[in-house]
Amino acid sequence: MTDPHSPVHAAPAAHPIDAVESVVPFIPFVIPAVGAIMIFLLAMIAVTMA
């Protein structure tokens, strides 16, 4: 058996990069940008139909 106090077991396990964790920092920039694009498109549709 191996020694449970050996340095090999003391290292923390590296977790894989999660897709959600990589996107979360960009949410404060993406949501207002998409909202602005949606408002512009809706206004353009309203003006075109009028």
C-alpha atoms as a PDB file:
ATOM      1  CA  MET A   1       0.000   0.000   0.000  1.00  0.00           C
ATOM      2  CA  THR A   2       1.043   3.567  -0.461  1.00  0.00           C
ATOM      3  CA  ASP A   3       1.506   6.025   2.338  1.00  0.00           C
ATOM      4  CA  PRO A   4      -1.658   8.231   2.658  1.00  0.00           C
ATOM      5  CA  HIS A   5       0.526  11.148   3.788  1.00  0.00           C
ATOM      6  CA  SER A   6       2.688  11.136   0.695  1.00  0.00           C
ATOM      7  CA  PRO A   7       2.892  14.357  -1.382  1.00  0.00           C
ATOM      8  CA  VAL A   8       1.115  12.659  -4.285  1.00  0.00           C
ATOM      9  CA  HIS A   9      -2.142  12.535  -2.315  1.00  0.00           C
ATOM     10  CA  ALA A  10      -1.671  16.005  -0.818  1.00  0.00           C
ATOM     11  CA  ALA A  11      -2.108  17.800  -4.150  1.00  0.00           C
ATOM     12  CA  PRO A  12      -5.656  19.053  -4.772  1.00  0.00           C
ATOM     13  CA  ALA A  13      -7.466  17.449  -7.665  1.00  0.00           C
ATOM     14  CA  ALA A  14      -7.679  19.783 -10.657  1.00  0.00           C
ATOM     15  CA  HIS A  15     -11.276  20.065 -11.817  1.00  0.00           C
ATOM     16  CA  PRO A  16     -11.983  20.511 -15.523  1.00  0.00           C
ATOM     17  CA  ILE A  17     -13.053  23.907 -16.812  1.00  0.00           C
ATOM     18  CA  ASP A  18     -16.829  24.146 -16.819  1.00  0.00           C
ATOM     19  CA  ALA A  19     -18.533  25.816 -19.801  1.00  0.00           C
ATOM     20  CA  VAL A  20     -20.818  27.839 -17.533  1.00  0.00           C
ATOM     21  CA  GLU A  21     -17.919  29.101 -15.416  1.00  0.00           C
ATOM     22  CA  SER A  22     -16.127  30.335 -18.536  1.00  0.00           C
ATOM     23  CA  VAL A  23     -19.182  32.321 -19.741  1.00  0.00           C
ATOM     24  CA  VAL A  24     -20.285  33.920 -16.463  1.00  0.00           C
ATOM     25  CA  PRO A  25     -17.741  36.828 -16.511  1.00  0.00           C
ATOM     26  CA  PHE A  26     -19.124  38.028 -19.867  1.00  0.00           C
ATOM     27  CA  ILE A  27     -22.803  38.110 -18.825  1.00  0.00           C
ATOM     28  CA  PRO A  28     -22.810  41.781 -17.661  1.00  0.00           C
ATOM     29  CA  PHE A  29     -21.643  42.817 -21.140  1.00  0.00           C
ATOM     30  CA  VAL A  30     -23.637  40.398 -23.283  1.00  0.00           C
ATOM     31  CA  ILE A  31     -27.116  40.922 -21.798  1.00  0.00           C
ATOM     32  CA  PRO A  32     -27.224  44.742 -22.306  1.00  0.00           C
ATOM     33  CA  ALA A  33     -25.727  44.406 -25.790  1.00  0.00           C
ATOM     34  CA  VAL A  34     -28.339  41.832 -26.826  1.00  0.00           C
ATOM     35  CA  GLY A  35     -31.056  43.988 -25.250  1.00  0.00           C
ATOM     36  CA  ALA A  36     -29.925  47.020 -27.245  1.00  0.00           C
ATOM     37  CA  ILE A  37     -29.915  45.009 -30.469  1.00  0.00           C
ATOM     38  CA  MET A  38     -33.411  43.674 -29.727  1.00  0.00           C
ATOM     39  CA  ILE A  39     -34.767  47.185 -29.026  1.00  0.00           C
ATOM     40  CA  PHE A  40     -33.219  48.475 -32.256  1.00  0.00           C
ATOM     41  CA  LEU A  41     -34.684  45.608 -34.289  1.00  0.00           C
ATOM     42  CA  LEU A  42     -38.128  45.997 -32.743  1.00  0.00           C
ATOM     43  CA  ALA A  43     -38.080  49.762 -33.390  1.00  0.00           C
ATOM     44  CA  MET A  44     -36.994  49.160 -36.990  1.00  0.00           C
ATOM     45  CA  ILE A  45     -39.861  46.691 -37.482  1.00  0.00           C
ATOM     46  CA  ALA A  46     -42.350  49.153 -35.969  1.00  0.00           C
ATOM     47  CA  VAL A  47     -41.161  51.996 -38.213  1.00  0.00           C
ATOM     48  CA  THR A  48     -41.228  49.760 -41.285  1.00  0.00           C
ATOM     49  CA  MET A  49     -44.791  48.600 -40.583  1.00  0.00           C
ATOM     50  CA  ALA A  50     -46.061  52.146 -39.861  1.00  0.00           C
END
